[in-house]
């Protein structure tokens, strides 16, 4: 999980808005222990997310759900 310093980092509310889900859903996906876990970085008490990694996760998540 190497995030370039010039990439856009999102907050939990921004990820929720991007994915059009409640903030509680984002926190729930951070607790998962499988491919369903949303990729994020813990910075002290704050979570940050690389926009590109979140969008790639959505693509992988959709593909895995459709295959099941």
C-alpha atoms as a PDB file:
ATOM      1  CA  UNK A   1       0.000   0.000   0.000  1.00  0.00           C
ATOM      2  CA  UNK A   2       2.326   2.734  -1.161  1.00  0.00           C
ATOM      3  CA  UNK A   3       0.478   5.995  -1.636  1.00  0.00           C
ATOM      4  CA  UNK A   4       2.254   8.689  -3.626  1.00  0.00           C
ATOM      5  CA  UNK A   5       2.382  11.958  -1.713  1.00  0.00           C
ATOM      6  CA  UNK A   6       0.762  13.817  -4.595  1.00  0.00           C
ATOM      7  CA  UNK A   7      -2.316  11.564  -4.782  1.00  0.00           C
ATOM      8  CA  UNK A   8      -5.656  12.734  -3.483  1.00  0.00           C
ATOM      9  CA  UNK A   9      -6.441  11.513   0.028  1.00  0.00           C
ATOM     10  CA  UNK A  10     -10.071  11.416   1.080  1.00  0.00           C
ATOM     11  CA  UNK A  11     -11.700  11.526   4.511  1.00  0.00           C
ATOM     12  CA  UNK A  12     -14.375   9.087   5.699  1.00  0.00           C
ATOM     13  CA  UNK A  13     -17.234  11.489   4.816  1.00  0.00           C
ATOM     14  CA  UNK A  14     -15.718  12.080   1.362  1.00  0.00           C
ATOM     15  CA  UNK A  15     -15.494   8.331   0.701  1.00  0.00           C
ATOM     16  CA  UNK A  16     -19.094   7.925   1.860  1.00  0.00           C
ATOM     17  CA  UNK A  17     -20.147  10.671  -0.554  1.00  0.00           C
ATOM     18  CA  UNK A  18     -18.077   9.198  -3.391  1.00  0.00           C
ATOM     19  CA  UNK A  19     -19.664   5.764  -2.912  1.00  0.00           C
ATOM     20  CA  UNK A  20     -23.087   7.198  -1.998  1.00  0.00           C
ATOM     21  CA  UNK A  21     -23.288   5.224   1.237  1.00  0.00           C
ATOM     22  CA  UNK A  22     -23.633   6.198   4.920  1.00  0.00           C
ATOM     23  CA  UNK A  23     -20.501   7.011   6.913  1.00  0.00           C
ATOM     24  CA  UNK A  24     -21.311   4.014   9.152  1.00  0.00           C
ATOM     25  CA  UNK A  25     -21.007   1.718   6.101  1.00  0.00           C
ATOM     26  CA  UNK A  26     -17.479   3.012   5.437  1.00  0.00           C
ATOM     27  CA  UNK A  27     -16.466   2.332   9.054  1.00  0.00           C
ATOM     28  CA  UNK A  28     -18.052  -1.128   8.786  1.00  0.00           C
ATOM     29  CA  UNK A  29     -15.950  -1.924   5.712  1.00  0.00           C
ATOM     30  CA  UNK A  30     -12.811  -0.934   7.626  1.00  0.00           C
ATOM     31  CA  UNK A  31     -13.526  -3.697  10.158  1.00  0.00           C
ATOM     32  CA  UNK A  32     -13.807  -6.468   7.555  1.00  0.00           C
ATOM     33  CA  UNK A  33     -10.950  -8.987   7.344  1.00  0.00           C
ATOM     34  CA  UNK A  34     -11.194 -10.114   3.721  1.00  0.00           C
ATOM     35  CA  UNK A  35     -11.353  -8.755   0.176  1.00  0.00           C
ATOM     36  CA  UNK A  36     -14.381  -6.775   1.369  1.00  0.00           C
ATOM     37  CA  UNK A  37     -12.147  -4.538   3.515  1.00  0.00           C
ATOM     38  CA  UNK A  38     -11.933  -1.007   2.194  1.00  0.00           C
ATOM     39  CA  UNK A  39      -8.297   0.078   1.655  1.00  0.00           C
ATOM     40  CA  UNK A  40      -7.421   2.918   4.004  1.00  0.00           C
ATOM     41  CA  UNK A  41      -4.621   4.426   6.041  1.00  0.00           C
ATOM     42  CA  UNK A  42      -4.777   5.154   9.746  1.00  0.00           C
ATOM     43  CA  UNK A  43      -3.132   8.469  10.613  1.00  0.00           C
ATOM     44  CA  UNK A  44      -3.403   8.699  14.380  1.00  0.00           C
ATOM     45  CA  UNK A  45      -7.126   8.637  15.076  1.00  0.00           C
ATOM     46  CA  UNK A  46      -8.006   9.610  11.501  1.00  0.00           C
ATOM     47  CA  UNK A  47      -8.615   7.456   8.433  1.00  0.00           C
ATOM     48  CA  UNK A  48      -7.545   8.558   4.973  1.00  0.00           C
ATOM     49  CA  UNK A  49      -8.176   6.886   1.638  1.00  0.00           C
ATOM     50  CA  UNK A  50      -6.455   7.071  -1.719  1.00  0.00           C
ATOM     51  CA  UNK A  51      -9.156   7.878  -4.282  1.00  0.00           C
ATOM     52  CA  UNK A  52      -7.653   5.560  -6.923  1.00  0.00           C
ATOM     53  CA  UNK A  53      -7.424   2.648  -4.489  1.00  0.00           C
ATOM     54  CA  UNK A  54     -11.045   3.126  -3.415  1.00  0.00           C
ATOM     55  CA  UNK A  55     -12.248   3.118  -7.025  1.00  0.00           C
ATOM     56  CA  UNK A  56     -10.120   0.035  -7.807  1.00  0.00           C
ATOM     57  CA  UNK A  57     -11.594  -1.662  -4.712  1.00  0.00           C
ATOM     58  CA  UNK A  58     -15.110  -0.960  -5.985  1.00  0.00           C
ATOM     59  CA  UNK A  59     -14.252  -2.627  -9.297  1.00  0.00           C
ATOM     60  CA  UNK A  60     -12.741  -5.694  -7.551  1.00  0.00           C
ATOM     61  CA  UNK A  61     -15.642  -5.884  -5.090  1.00  0.00           C
ATOM     62  CA  UNK A  62     -18.202  -5.809  -7.920  1.00  0.00           C
ATOM     63  CA  UNK A  63     -16.300  -8.474  -9.856  1.00  0.00           C
ATOM     64  CA  UNK A  64     -16.062 -10.779  -6.811  1.00  0.00           C
ATOM     65  CA  UNK A  65     -19.756 -10.286  -5.960  1.00  0.00           C
ATOM     66  CA  UNK A  66     -20.832 -11.079  -9.533  1.00  0.00           C
ATOM     67  CA  UNK A  67     -18.678 -14.243  -9.613  1.00  0.00           C
ATOM     68  CA  UNK A  68     -20.265 -15.602  -6.408  1.00  0.00           C
END
